[in-house]
N, C-alpha and C. Protein backbone atom coordinates (compact mmCIF):
# COMPACT_ATOMS: atom_id res chain seq x y z
N MET A 1 0.85 -1.20 0.00
CA MET A 1 0.00 0.00 0.00
C MET A 1 0.88 1.24 0.00
N SER A 2 0.55 2.23 -0.83
CA SER A 2 1.35 3.45 -0.92
C SER A 2 1.21 4.28 0.33
N SER A 3 2.19 5.18 0.56
CA SER A 3 2.16 6.03 1.75
C SER A 3 0.94 6.93 1.74
N SER A 4 0.56 7.46 0.56
CA SER A 4 -0.59 8.36 0.50
C SER A 4 -1.87 7.62 0.86
N ASN A 5 -1.99 6.35 0.40
CA ASN A 5 -3.17 5.58 0.75
C ASN A 5 -3.22 5.29 2.23
N GLN A 6 -2.03 4.98 2.83
CA GLN A 6 -1.98 4.71 4.26
C GLN A 6 -2.44 5.91 5.06
N LEU A 7 -1.95 7.07 4.70
CA LEU A 7 -2.29 8.27 5.45
C LEU A 7 -3.74 8.67 5.23
N ASN A 8 -4.22 8.52 3.99
CA ASN A 8 -5.61 8.85 3.71
C ASN A 8 -6.55 7.95 4.48
N GLN A 9 -6.24 6.65 4.53
CA GLN A 9 -7.11 5.72 5.25
C GLN A 9 -7.07 6.01 6.74
N SER A 10 -5.88 6.34 7.25
CA SER A 10 -5.77 6.66 8.67
C SER A 10 -6.60 7.88 9.02
N SER A 11 -6.53 8.92 8.17
CA SER A 11 -7.27 10.15 8.43
C SER A 11 -8.76 9.91 8.38
N ARG A 12 -9.22 9.12 7.37
CA ARG A 12 -10.64 8.84 7.28
C ARG A 12 -11.11 8.03 8.46
N PHE A 13 -10.27 7.08 8.90
CA PHE A 13 -10.66 6.22 10.01
C PHE A 13 -10.82 7.03 11.29
N LEU A 14 -9.85 7.91 11.56
CA LEU A 14 -9.94 8.75 12.76
C LEU A 14 -11.15 9.65 12.70
N ALA A 15 -11.44 10.17 11.50
CA ALA A 15 -12.56 11.09 11.37
C ALA A 15 -13.90 10.39 11.59
N ASN A 16 -13.97 9.08 11.25
CA ASN A 16 -15.23 8.36 11.35
C ASN A 16 -15.44 7.68 12.69
N LYS A 17 -14.41 7.67 13.56
CA LYS A 17 -14.57 7.05 14.87
C LYS A 17 -15.47 7.90 15.75
N PRO A 18 -16.21 7.24 16.69
CA PRO A 18 -16.97 8.01 17.67
C PRO A 18 -16.04 8.94 18.43
N ARG A 19 -16.54 10.05 18.89
CA ARG A 19 -15.69 11.06 19.50
C ARG A 19 -15.04 10.57 20.78
N ASN A 20 -15.57 9.50 21.36
CA ASN A 20 -14.95 8.99 22.59
C ASN A 20 -14.09 7.76 22.32
N GLU A 21 -13.79 7.48 21.03
CA GLU A 21 -12.93 6.36 20.68
C GLU A 21 -11.84 6.81 19.72
N VAL A 22 -10.60 6.37 19.98
CA VAL A 22 -9.49 6.65 19.09
C VAL A 22 -8.71 5.37 18.91
N ASN A 23 -8.37 5.04 17.66
CA ASN A 23 -7.64 3.82 17.37
C ASN A 23 -6.18 4.16 17.12
N VAL A 24 -5.27 3.48 17.83
CA VAL A 24 -3.83 3.67 17.66
C VAL A 24 -3.20 2.32 17.41
N GLN A 25 -2.67 2.14 16.18
CA GLN A 25 -1.99 0.90 15.82
C GLN A 25 -2.83 -0.34 16.15
N GLY A 26 -4.13 -0.29 15.85
CA GLY A 26 -4.98 -1.44 16.02
C GLY A 26 -5.67 -1.55 17.35
N TYR A 27 -5.35 -0.66 18.30
CA TYR A 27 -5.98 -0.68 19.61
C TYR A 27 -6.96 0.48 19.73
N THR A 28 -8.14 0.20 20.26
CA THR A 28 -9.15 1.23 20.44
C THR A 28 -9.15 1.72 21.88
N PHE A 29 -8.98 3.03 22.05
CA PHE A 29 -8.98 3.65 23.38
C PHE A 29 -10.31 4.36 23.58
N ARG A 30 -10.99 4.03 24.66
CA ARG A 30 -12.22 4.73 25.00
C ARG A 30 -11.88 5.82 26.03
N ILE A 31 -12.31 7.04 25.73
CA ILE A 31 -11.90 8.18 26.54
C ILE A 31 -13.11 8.97 26.99
N ASP A 32 -13.08 9.42 28.21
CA ASP A 32 -14.13 10.30 28.74
C ASP A 32 -13.87 11.68 28.18
N VAL A 33 -14.54 12.02 27.07
CA VAL A 33 -14.28 13.28 26.38
C VAL A 33 -14.60 14.47 27.28
N LYS A 34 -15.64 14.35 28.08
CA LYS A 34 -16.07 15.47 28.91
C LYS A 34 -15.01 15.85 29.94
N ASN A 35 -14.27 14.85 30.44
CA ASN A 35 -13.31 15.12 31.50
C ASN A 35 -11.86 15.01 31.06
N SER A 36 -11.64 14.54 29.82
CA SER A 36 -10.25 14.27 29.42
C SER A 36 -9.96 14.77 28.01
N ALA A 37 -10.34 16.01 27.71
CA ALA A 37 -10.12 16.56 26.36
C ALA A 37 -8.64 16.57 26.00
N GLY A 38 -7.80 16.89 27.00
CA GLY A 38 -6.36 16.92 26.73
C GLY A 38 -5.83 15.57 26.35
N ASN A 39 -6.31 14.50 27.04
CA ASN A 39 -5.87 13.15 26.72
C ASN A 39 -6.31 12.72 25.34
N THR A 40 -7.51 13.14 24.94
CA THR A 40 -8.00 12.82 23.60
C THR A 40 -7.06 13.39 22.55
N THR A 41 -6.66 14.62 22.73
CA THR A 41 -5.73 15.26 21.80
C THR A 41 -4.42 14.52 21.74
N PHE A 42 -3.92 14.10 22.91
CA PHE A 42 -2.65 13.38 22.95
C PHE A 42 -2.74 12.06 22.19
N VAL A 43 -3.80 11.28 22.44
CA VAL A 43 -3.92 9.98 21.80
C VAL A 43 -4.04 10.13 20.29
N MET A 44 -4.79 11.13 19.83
CA MET A 44 -4.91 11.36 18.39
C MET A 44 -3.58 11.77 17.79
N ASN A 45 -2.85 12.63 18.49
CA ASN A 45 -1.52 13.03 18.02
C ASN A 45 -0.57 11.85 18.01
N TYR A 46 -0.72 10.98 19.02
CA TYR A 46 0.13 9.79 19.07
C TYR A 46 -0.16 8.88 17.87
N GLY A 47 -1.44 8.81 17.51
CA GLY A 47 -1.81 8.01 16.34
C GLY A 47 -1.15 8.53 15.08
N ARG A 48 -1.16 9.86 14.93
CA ARG A 48 -0.52 10.46 13.75
C ARG A 48 1.00 10.23 13.79
N TRP A 49 1.56 10.33 15.00
CA TRP A 49 3.01 10.10 15.17
C TRP A 49 3.36 8.68 14.76
N SER A 50 2.56 7.70 15.20
CA SER A 50 2.81 6.30 14.87
C SER A 50 2.70 6.08 13.37
N GLU A 51 1.71 6.72 12.75
CA GLU A 51 1.51 6.58 11.31
C GLU A 51 2.69 7.17 10.55
N LYS A 52 3.19 8.30 11.03
CA LYS A 52 4.33 8.95 10.37
C LYS A 52 5.53 8.00 10.34
N HIS A 53 5.82 7.38 11.48
CA HIS A 53 6.99 6.50 11.55
C HIS A 53 6.77 5.22 10.76
N THR A 54 5.51 4.77 10.64
CA THR A 54 5.22 3.62 9.78
C THR A 54 5.56 3.95 8.33
N VAL A 55 5.19 5.14 7.90
CA VAL A 55 5.46 5.55 6.52
C VAL A 55 6.96 5.72 6.29
N MET A 56 7.67 6.30 7.27
CA MET A 56 9.12 6.44 7.14
C MET A 56 9.77 5.07 7.01
N LYS A 57 9.31 4.10 7.80
CA LYS A 57 9.84 2.75 7.72
C LYS A 57 9.60 2.17 6.33
N HIS A 58 8.45 2.50 5.76
CA HIS A 58 8.10 2.04 4.41
C HIS A 58 9.17 2.49 3.40
N TYR A 59 9.60 3.75 3.48
CA TYR A 59 10.61 4.24 2.56
C TYR A 59 11.99 3.69 2.88
N PHE A 60 12.30 3.52 4.17
CA PHE A 60 13.59 2.96 4.55
C PHE A 60 13.72 1.52 4.04
N GLU A 61 12.62 0.78 4.06
CA GLU A 61 12.63 -0.58 3.52
C GLU A 61 12.91 -0.56 2.02
N LEU A 62 12.42 0.47 1.34
CA LEU A 62 12.68 0.61 -0.10
C LEU A 62 14.17 0.80 -0.34
N PHE A 63 14.83 1.61 0.49
CA PHE A 63 16.27 1.82 0.33
C PHE A 63 17.03 0.51 0.52
N GLU A 64 16.58 -0.30 1.49
CA GLU A 64 17.22 -1.60 1.72
C GLU A 64 17.00 -2.54 0.54
N MET A 65 15.82 -2.49 -0.04
CA MET A 65 15.53 -3.30 -1.23
C MET A 65 16.45 -2.92 -2.38
N LYS A 66 16.68 -1.63 -2.54
CA LYS A 66 17.56 -1.17 -3.62
C LYS A 66 18.98 -1.67 -3.41
N THR A 67 19.44 -1.62 -2.17
CA THR A 67 20.79 -2.09 -1.86
C THR A 67 20.93 -3.57 -2.17
N SER A 68 19.92 -4.36 -1.79
CA SER A 68 19.95 -5.80 -2.08
C SER A 68 19.95 -6.06 -3.58
N ALA A 69 19.13 -5.30 -4.32
CA ALA A 69 19.08 -5.46 -5.77
C ALA A 69 20.40 -5.05 -6.42
N ALA A 70 21.02 -4.01 -5.86
CA ALA A 70 22.29 -3.53 -6.42
C ALA A 70 23.40 -4.55 -6.26
N ASN A 71 23.30 -5.40 -5.25
CA ASN A 71 24.29 -6.45 -5.07
C ASN A 71 24.28 -7.42 -6.25
N LEU A 72 23.14 -7.51 -6.92
CA LEU A 72 23.01 -8.38 -8.09
C LEU A 72 23.30 -7.64 -9.38
N ASP A 73 22.83 -6.38 -9.47
CA ASP A 73 23.02 -5.59 -10.70
C ASP A 73 22.96 -4.11 -10.33
N VAL A 74 24.10 -3.55 -9.97
CA VAL A 74 24.12 -2.17 -9.51
C VAL A 74 23.75 -1.19 -10.62
N PHE A 75 24.08 -1.51 -11.86
CA PHE A 75 23.80 -0.59 -12.96
C PHE A 75 22.30 -0.37 -13.12
N SER A 76 21.51 -1.44 -13.06
CA SER A 76 20.07 -1.30 -13.25
C SER A 76 19.43 -0.46 -12.15
N VAL A 77 20.00 -0.52 -10.94
CA VAL A 77 19.46 0.27 -9.84
C VAL A 77 19.86 1.74 -9.97
N VAL A 78 21.13 1.98 -10.25
CA VAL A 78 21.64 3.36 -10.37
C VAL A 78 20.99 4.08 -11.55
N SER A 79 20.81 3.38 -12.66
CA SER A 79 20.20 4.01 -13.85
C SER A 79 18.70 4.12 -13.71
N ALA A 80 18.14 3.41 -12.72
CA ALA A 80 16.70 3.49 -12.40
C ALA A 80 15.81 3.21 -13.60
N ILE A 81 16.12 2.13 -14.31
CA ILE A 81 15.29 1.74 -15.44
C ILE A 81 13.93 1.24 -14.97
N TRP A 82 13.79 1.01 -13.67
CA TRP A 82 12.56 0.48 -13.08
C TRP A 82 11.57 1.57 -12.67
N CYS A 83 12.00 2.83 -12.64
CA CYS A 83 11.16 3.87 -12.04
C CYS A 83 10.10 4.39 -13.01
N THR A 84 9.11 5.07 -12.44
CA THR A 84 8.02 5.63 -13.24
C THR A 84 8.48 6.88 -13.97
N THR A 85 7.66 7.33 -14.92
CA THR A 85 7.99 8.55 -15.67
C THR A 85 8.09 9.75 -14.73
N ALA A 86 7.17 9.83 -13.77
CA ALA A 86 7.21 10.95 -12.82
C ALA A 86 8.47 10.92 -11.98
N GLU A 87 8.88 9.72 -11.56
CA GLU A 87 10.08 9.60 -10.73
C GLU A 87 11.34 10.06 -11.47
N ARG A 88 11.34 9.90 -12.79
CA ARG A 88 12.53 10.28 -13.55
C ARG A 88 12.80 11.79 -13.48
N ASN A 89 11.78 12.56 -13.17
CA ASN A 89 11.99 14.00 -13.00
C ASN A 89 12.86 14.31 -11.79
N LEU A 90 12.93 13.36 -10.85
CA LEU A 90 13.70 13.55 -9.62
C LEU A 90 14.95 12.69 -9.59
N LEU A 91 15.25 11.99 -10.67
CA LEU A 91 16.27 10.96 -10.66
C LEU A 91 17.66 11.49 -10.31
N TRP A 92 18.28 10.79 -9.36
CA TRP A 92 19.64 11.12 -8.92
C TRP A 92 20.22 9.90 -8.21
N ILE A 93 21.18 9.25 -8.84
CA ILE A 93 21.88 8.09 -8.28
C ILE A 93 20.89 7.07 -7.70
N GLY A 94 20.05 6.55 -8.55
CA GLY A 94 19.17 5.46 -8.15
C GLY A 94 17.98 5.84 -7.30
N GLY A 95 17.58 7.10 -7.32
CA GLY A 95 16.43 7.51 -6.52
C GLY A 95 16.18 9.00 -6.64
N PHE A 96 15.36 9.52 -5.73
CA PHE A 96 15.02 10.94 -5.81
C PHE A 96 16.15 11.81 -5.27
N ARG A 97 16.23 13.03 -5.79
CA ARG A 97 17.21 14.02 -5.31
C ARG A 97 16.50 14.88 -4.26
N PRO A 98 16.90 14.79 -2.99
CA PRO A 98 16.19 15.46 -1.90
C PRO A 98 15.95 16.95 -2.10
N SER A 99 16.97 17.71 -2.47
CA SER A 99 16.81 19.16 -2.60
C SER A 99 15.82 19.51 -3.70
N GLN A 100 15.85 18.76 -4.79
CA GLN A 100 14.93 19.01 -5.90
C GLN A 100 13.50 18.65 -5.50
N LEU A 101 13.37 17.55 -4.77
CA LEU A 101 12.05 17.14 -4.30
C LEU A 101 11.42 18.23 -3.43
N LEU A 102 12.23 18.78 -2.53
CA LEU A 102 11.70 19.78 -1.62
C LEU A 102 11.32 21.07 -2.35
N GLN A 103 12.04 21.41 -3.41
CA GLN A 103 11.70 22.59 -4.20
C GLN A 103 10.31 22.47 -4.80
N VAL A 104 9.92 21.24 -5.14
CA VAL A 104 8.61 21.00 -5.72
C VAL A 104 7.52 20.99 -4.65
N ILE A 105 7.83 20.37 -3.50
CA ILE A 105 6.82 20.16 -2.47
C ILE A 105 6.64 21.35 -1.54
N LEU A 106 7.71 22.07 -1.25
CA LEU A 106 7.64 23.14 -0.24
C LEU A 106 6.52 24.15 -0.49
N PRO A 107 6.29 24.60 -1.73
CA PRO A 107 5.19 25.56 -1.96
C PRO A 107 3.83 25.03 -1.51
N GLN A 108 3.71 23.70 -1.44
CA GLN A 108 2.42 23.11 -1.05
C GLN A 108 2.24 23.01 0.46
N VAL A 109 3.34 23.09 1.20
CA VAL A 109 3.23 22.92 2.66
C VAL A 109 3.70 24.14 3.45
N GLN A 110 4.32 25.11 2.79
CA GLN A 110 4.91 26.22 3.53
C GLN A 110 3.88 27.15 4.15
N HIS A 111 2.62 27.06 3.70
CA HIS A 111 1.57 27.92 4.25
C HIS A 111 1.39 27.72 5.75
N SER A 112 1.74 26.53 6.24
CA SER A 112 1.56 26.24 7.66
C SER A 112 2.87 26.32 8.45
N CYS A 113 3.95 26.71 7.78
CA CYS A 113 5.27 26.77 8.43
C CYS A 113 5.54 28.16 8.99
N SER A 114 6.21 28.20 10.12
CA SER A 114 6.63 29.47 10.69
C SER A 114 7.88 29.96 9.95
N GLN A 115 8.23 31.22 10.15
CA GLN A 115 9.44 31.76 9.52
C GLN A 115 10.68 31.03 10.00
N GLN A 116 10.70 30.63 11.27
CA GLN A 116 11.85 29.90 11.79
C GLN A 116 11.95 28.53 11.14
N GLN A 117 10.82 27.88 10.95
CA GLN A 117 10.83 26.59 10.27
C GLN A 117 11.36 26.71 8.85
N LEU A 118 10.88 27.72 8.13
CA LEU A 118 11.32 27.92 6.76
C LEU A 118 12.81 28.20 6.70
N SER A 119 13.30 29.00 7.64
CA SER A 119 14.72 29.31 7.69
C SER A 119 15.54 28.04 7.93
N ASP A 120 15.08 27.22 8.86
CA ASP A 120 15.78 25.96 9.16
C ASP A 120 15.74 25.01 7.96
N ILE A 121 14.61 24.99 7.27
CA ILE A 121 14.47 24.11 6.10
C ILE A 121 15.39 24.55 4.98
N PHE A 122 15.49 25.86 4.73
CA PHE A 122 16.36 26.36 3.68
C PHE A 122 17.83 26.05 3.99
N SER A 123 18.20 26.18 5.26
CA SER A 123 19.57 25.83 5.66
C SER A 123 19.83 24.34 5.45
N PHE A 124 18.82 23.55 5.78
CA PHE A 124 18.93 22.10 5.62
C PHE A 124 19.06 21.73 4.14
N VAL A 125 18.31 22.40 3.29
CA VAL A 125 18.37 22.13 1.85
C VAL A 125 19.76 22.43 1.30
N GLN A 126 20.37 23.52 1.78
CA GLN A 126 21.72 23.86 1.33
C GLN A 126 22.71 22.75 1.69
N SER A 127 22.56 22.19 2.89
CA SER A 127 23.42 21.09 3.31
C SER A 127 23.21 19.87 2.42
N CYS A 128 21.94 19.60 2.08
CA CYS A 128 21.63 18.49 1.18
C CYS A 128 22.27 18.69 -0.18
N GLN A 129 22.18 19.91 -0.69
CA GLN A 129 22.73 20.21 -2.01
C GLN A 129 24.24 20.01 -2.04
N GLN A 130 24.91 20.38 -0.96
CA GLN A 130 26.36 20.18 -0.89
C GLN A 130 26.72 18.70 -0.96
N ALA A 131 25.98 17.90 -0.21
CA ALA A 131 26.22 16.45 -0.22
C ALA A 131 25.88 15.86 -1.58
N GLU A 132 24.79 16.32 -2.17
CA GLU A 132 24.37 15.82 -3.49
C GLU A 132 25.40 16.17 -4.55
N ASP A 133 25.88 17.40 -4.53
CA ASP A 133 26.85 17.85 -5.54
C ASP A 133 28.16 17.05 -5.44
N ALA A 134 28.59 16.80 -4.21
CA ALA A 134 29.84 16.05 -4.01
C ALA A 134 29.69 14.63 -4.56
N LEU A 135 28.55 13.99 -4.30
CA LEU A 135 28.32 12.65 -4.81
C LEU A 135 28.16 12.65 -6.33
N ALA A 136 27.48 13.66 -6.85
CA ALA A 136 27.27 13.75 -8.30
C ALA A 136 28.60 13.90 -9.04
N GLN A 137 29.50 14.71 -8.49
CA GLN A 137 30.82 14.90 -9.10
C GLN A 137 31.61 13.60 -9.06
N GLY A 138 31.51 12.90 -7.93
CA GLY A 138 32.20 11.61 -7.82
C GLY A 138 31.66 10.59 -8.80
N MET A 139 30.33 10.57 -8.98
CA MET A 139 29.72 9.64 -9.92
C MET A 139 30.11 9.96 -11.36
N GLU A 140 30.22 11.25 -11.67
CA GLU A 140 30.61 11.66 -13.02
C GLU A 140 32.03 11.18 -13.35
N LYS A 141 32.91 11.36 -12.38
CA LYS A 141 34.30 10.91 -12.59
C LYS A 141 34.35 9.38 -12.69
N LEU A 142 33.56 8.73 -11.86
CA LEU A 142 33.52 7.27 -11.89
C LEU A 142 33.02 6.75 -13.23
N GLN A 143 32.01 7.41 -13.78
CA GLN A 143 31.47 7.00 -15.08
C GLN A 143 32.52 7.15 -16.18
N GLN A 144 33.33 8.20 -16.09
CA GLN A 144 34.40 8.39 -17.07
C GLN A 144 35.41 7.24 -16.99
N ASN A 145 35.76 6.86 -15.77
CA ASN A 145 36.70 5.74 -15.57
C ASN A 145 36.09 4.42 -16.07
N LEU A 146 34.78 4.27 -15.83
CA LEU A 146 34.11 3.04 -16.28
C LEU A 146 34.09 2.97 -17.80
N ASP A 147 33.85 4.11 -18.46
CA ASP A 147 33.85 4.14 -19.92
C ASP A 147 35.22 3.78 -20.47
N LYS A 148 36.26 4.31 -19.82
CA LYS A 148 37.64 4.01 -20.25
C LYS A 148 37.95 2.54 -20.07
N ALA A 149 37.52 1.99 -18.93
CA ALA A 149 37.79 0.58 -18.65
C ALA A 149 37.07 -0.32 -19.64
N THR A 150 35.85 0.06 -20.00
CA THR A 150 35.08 -0.72 -20.96
C THR A 150 35.72 -0.67 -22.35
N ALA A 151 36.17 0.52 -22.76
CA ALA A 151 36.80 0.69 -24.07
C ALA A 151 38.12 -0.06 -24.15
N ALA A 152 38.85 -0.08 -23.02
CA ALA A 152 40.17 -0.73 -23.01
C ALA A 152 40.07 -2.22 -22.69
N GLY A 153 38.89 -2.66 -22.33
CA GLY A 153 38.73 -4.08 -21.97
C GLY A 153 39.41 -4.42 -20.67
N ASP A 154 39.57 -3.45 -19.80
CA ASP A 154 40.22 -3.64 -18.51
C ASP A 154 39.19 -4.15 -17.49
N LYS A 155 39.12 -5.47 -17.34
CA LYS A 155 38.12 -6.07 -16.47
C LYS A 155 38.35 -5.73 -15.00
N ALA A 156 39.61 -5.67 -14.60
CA ALA A 156 39.92 -5.38 -13.20
C ALA A 156 39.43 -3.99 -12.81
N LEU A 157 39.73 -2.99 -13.68
CA LEU A 157 39.29 -1.63 -13.41
C LEU A 157 37.77 -1.53 -13.46
N LYS A 158 37.16 -2.28 -14.38
CA LYS A 158 35.70 -2.26 -14.50
C LYS A 158 35.05 -2.79 -13.23
N LEU A 159 35.60 -3.86 -12.67
CA LEU A 159 35.07 -4.42 -11.43
C LEU A 159 35.23 -3.43 -10.28
N THR A 160 36.35 -2.71 -10.29
CA THR A 160 36.58 -1.69 -9.25
C THR A 160 35.53 -0.58 -9.36
N CYS A 161 35.26 -0.17 -10.58
CA CYS A 161 34.26 0.89 -10.80
C CYS A 161 32.87 0.45 -10.37
N VAL A 162 32.55 -0.80 -10.62
CA VAL A 162 31.24 -1.33 -10.22
C VAL A 162 31.12 -1.33 -8.70
N SER A 163 32.18 -1.70 -8.05
CA SER A 163 32.20 -1.69 -6.58
C SER A 163 32.03 -0.26 -6.05
N GLN A 164 32.67 0.69 -6.71
CA GLN A 164 32.54 2.09 -6.30
C GLN A 164 31.14 2.63 -6.56
N GLN A 165 30.50 2.15 -7.63
CA GLN A 165 29.12 2.53 -7.90
C GLN A 165 28.22 2.11 -6.74
N MET A 166 28.45 0.93 -6.24
CA MET A 166 27.69 0.42 -5.10
C MET A 166 27.87 1.33 -3.89
N SER A 167 29.09 1.78 -3.69
CA SER A 167 29.38 2.67 -2.56
C SER A 167 28.64 4.00 -2.71
N PHE A 168 28.64 4.54 -3.93
CA PHE A 168 27.94 5.81 -4.17
C PHE A 168 26.44 5.66 -3.97
N LEU A 169 25.89 4.53 -4.40
CA LEU A 169 24.46 4.29 -4.22
C LEU A 169 24.10 4.25 -2.74
N LYS A 170 24.92 3.57 -1.95
CA LYS A 170 24.67 3.49 -0.50
C LYS A 170 24.73 4.88 0.13
N GLN A 171 25.70 5.69 -0.30
CA GLN A 171 25.81 7.05 0.24
C GLN A 171 24.61 7.91 -0.16
N ALA A 172 24.16 7.74 -1.41
CA ALA A 172 23.00 8.50 -1.88
C ALA A 172 21.75 8.09 -1.11
N ASN A 173 21.59 6.80 -0.85
CA ASN A 173 20.45 6.33 -0.06
C ASN A 173 20.51 6.86 1.36
N HIS A 174 21.73 6.99 1.88
CA HIS A 174 21.89 7.54 3.23
C HIS A 174 21.46 9.00 3.26
N VAL A 175 21.80 9.76 2.22
CA VAL A 175 21.38 11.15 2.13
C VAL A 175 19.85 11.23 2.08
N ARG A 176 19.24 10.35 1.29
CA ARG A 176 17.77 10.34 1.19
C ARG A 176 17.13 9.98 2.54
N GLN A 177 17.71 9.01 3.20
CA GLN A 177 17.17 8.58 4.49
C GLN A 177 17.28 9.70 5.52
N GLN A 178 18.44 10.34 5.57
CA GLN A 178 18.64 11.44 6.52
C GLN A 178 17.74 12.62 6.18
N PHE A 179 17.49 12.82 4.89
CA PHE A 179 16.58 13.89 4.46
C PHE A 179 15.19 13.69 5.06
N LEU A 180 14.66 12.48 4.94
CA LEU A 180 13.33 12.19 5.47
C LEU A 180 13.32 12.29 7.00
N TYR A 181 14.38 11.80 7.61
CA TYR A 181 14.44 11.83 9.08
C TYR A 181 14.56 13.26 9.61
N GLN A 182 15.48 14.02 9.06
CA GLN A 182 15.69 15.39 9.54
C GLN A 182 14.49 16.27 9.28
N LEU A 183 13.84 16.06 8.13
CA LEU A 183 12.67 16.86 7.82
C LEU A 183 11.53 16.56 8.80
N SER A 184 11.45 15.33 9.26
CA SER A 184 10.42 14.97 10.24
C SER A 184 10.65 15.69 11.56
N ARG A 185 11.88 16.09 11.81
CA ARG A 185 12.19 16.83 13.04
C ARG A 185 11.93 18.32 12.89
N LEU A 186 12.00 18.82 11.66
CA LEU A 186 11.80 20.24 11.43
C LEU A 186 10.32 20.60 11.30
N LEU A 187 9.50 19.62 10.92
CA LEU A 187 8.07 19.86 10.73
C LEU A 187 7.26 19.27 11.88
N THR A 188 6.07 19.79 12.06
CA THR A 188 5.16 19.20 13.03
C THR A 188 4.62 17.89 12.45
N ILE A 189 3.95 17.12 13.27
CA ILE A 189 3.41 15.84 12.82
C ILE A 189 2.46 16.03 11.64
N CYS A 190 1.55 16.99 11.76
CA CYS A 190 0.57 17.24 10.69
C CYS A 190 1.26 17.76 9.43
N GLN A 191 2.25 18.64 9.59
CA GLN A 191 2.98 19.18 8.44
C GLN A 191 3.73 18.07 7.72
N TYR A 192 4.32 17.17 8.49
CA TYR A 192 5.09 16.08 7.88
C TYR A 192 4.16 15.11 7.15
N ALA A 193 2.98 14.87 7.72
CA ALA A 193 2.00 14.02 7.04
C ALA A 193 1.61 14.64 5.71
N GLU A 194 1.42 15.97 5.70
CA GLU A 194 1.09 16.68 4.47
C GLU A 194 2.24 16.57 3.46
N PHE A 195 3.45 16.67 3.96
CA PHE A 195 4.62 16.53 3.10
C PHE A 195 4.67 15.15 2.46
N LEU A 196 4.41 14.10 3.25
CA LEU A 196 4.47 12.74 2.73
C LEU A 196 3.42 12.49 1.65
N LEU A 197 2.25 13.08 1.84
CA LEU A 197 1.21 12.95 0.81
C LEU A 197 1.67 13.60 -0.49
N ALA A 198 2.24 14.80 -0.38
CA ALA A 198 2.75 15.49 -1.56
C ALA A 198 3.92 14.73 -2.18
N PHE A 199 4.72 14.11 -1.34
CA PHE A 199 5.85 13.30 -1.78
C PHE A 199 5.37 12.17 -2.67
N GLY A 200 4.33 11.47 -2.21
CA GLY A 200 3.78 10.38 -3.00
C GLY A 200 3.24 10.85 -4.34
N GLU A 201 2.62 12.03 -4.34
CA GLU A 201 2.11 12.60 -5.59
C GLU A 201 3.24 12.88 -6.57
N CYS A 202 4.36 13.38 -6.07
CA CYS A 202 5.50 13.69 -6.93
C CYS A 202 6.10 12.44 -7.55
N LEU A 203 6.12 11.34 -6.78
CA LEU A 203 6.72 10.12 -7.27
C LEU A 203 5.85 9.37 -8.27
N TYR A 204 4.54 9.47 -8.10
CA TYR A 204 3.65 8.64 -8.90
C TYR A 204 2.66 9.42 -9.76
N ASN A 205 2.77 10.74 -9.76
CA ASN A 205 1.87 11.55 -10.56
C ASN A 205 2.66 12.67 -11.21
N SER A 206 2.66 12.74 -12.51
CA SER A 206 3.46 13.74 -13.23
C SER A 206 2.84 15.13 -13.17
N GLN A 207 1.61 15.27 -12.65
CA GLN A 207 0.92 16.54 -12.63
C GLN A 207 1.69 17.65 -11.92
N PRO A 208 2.35 17.39 -10.73
CA PRO A 208 3.07 18.47 -10.06
C PRO A 208 4.14 19.14 -10.90
N TRP A 209 4.62 18.41 -11.93
CA TRP A 209 5.72 18.93 -12.75
C TRP A 209 5.24 19.83 -13.87
N SER A 210 3.94 19.85 -14.11
CA SER A 210 3.43 20.63 -15.23
C SER A 210 3.58 22.12 -15.02
N SER A 211 3.75 22.54 -13.75
CA SER A 211 3.87 23.97 -13.45
C SER A 211 5.31 24.44 -13.43
N LEU A 212 6.26 23.50 -13.60
CA LEU A 212 7.68 23.88 -13.53
C LEU A 212 8.20 24.32 -14.88
């Protein structure tokens, strides 16, 4: 199930529950609404918090799947021949490019962000871009070496380049993972849920790119 479907179903489920019942990870809590309004808010927020981390785990599992697949054929993973047309707009070393993704999504979620949050996010994006640029430059040089090795029939150098490709993919996945984790700390639970929904739209729907 996609992250957007998970979050949509969770939101609908919470909205349809009786006001004195809240479901968190399969458990139903009955609450005295008249005397425990604060507790009701906490349990609902906890439900959203649990859902957020479930979705993050969903993406982290994807990174692990890519690493396992790369052990068999790193080129197919890095070149992302498996991805959708919409995903190719974000393509960077076998997956999405964090800074570019945020440039597309931020206009959709910034309405609820404070100035301090926006400032922190922009600083964070700059750090992401620095890491992305360093890896991109390394990958470009590696590709040049791989082309030379292929032309010269140098199998030893080619194997070395393939091994280095694997290393770059792992580093790129680490940047993506840290991007999702750090952003979850900069945004509120509701803001991050909104971000994840927009994230899913960017990956599987080409519509967000029509305005770029």
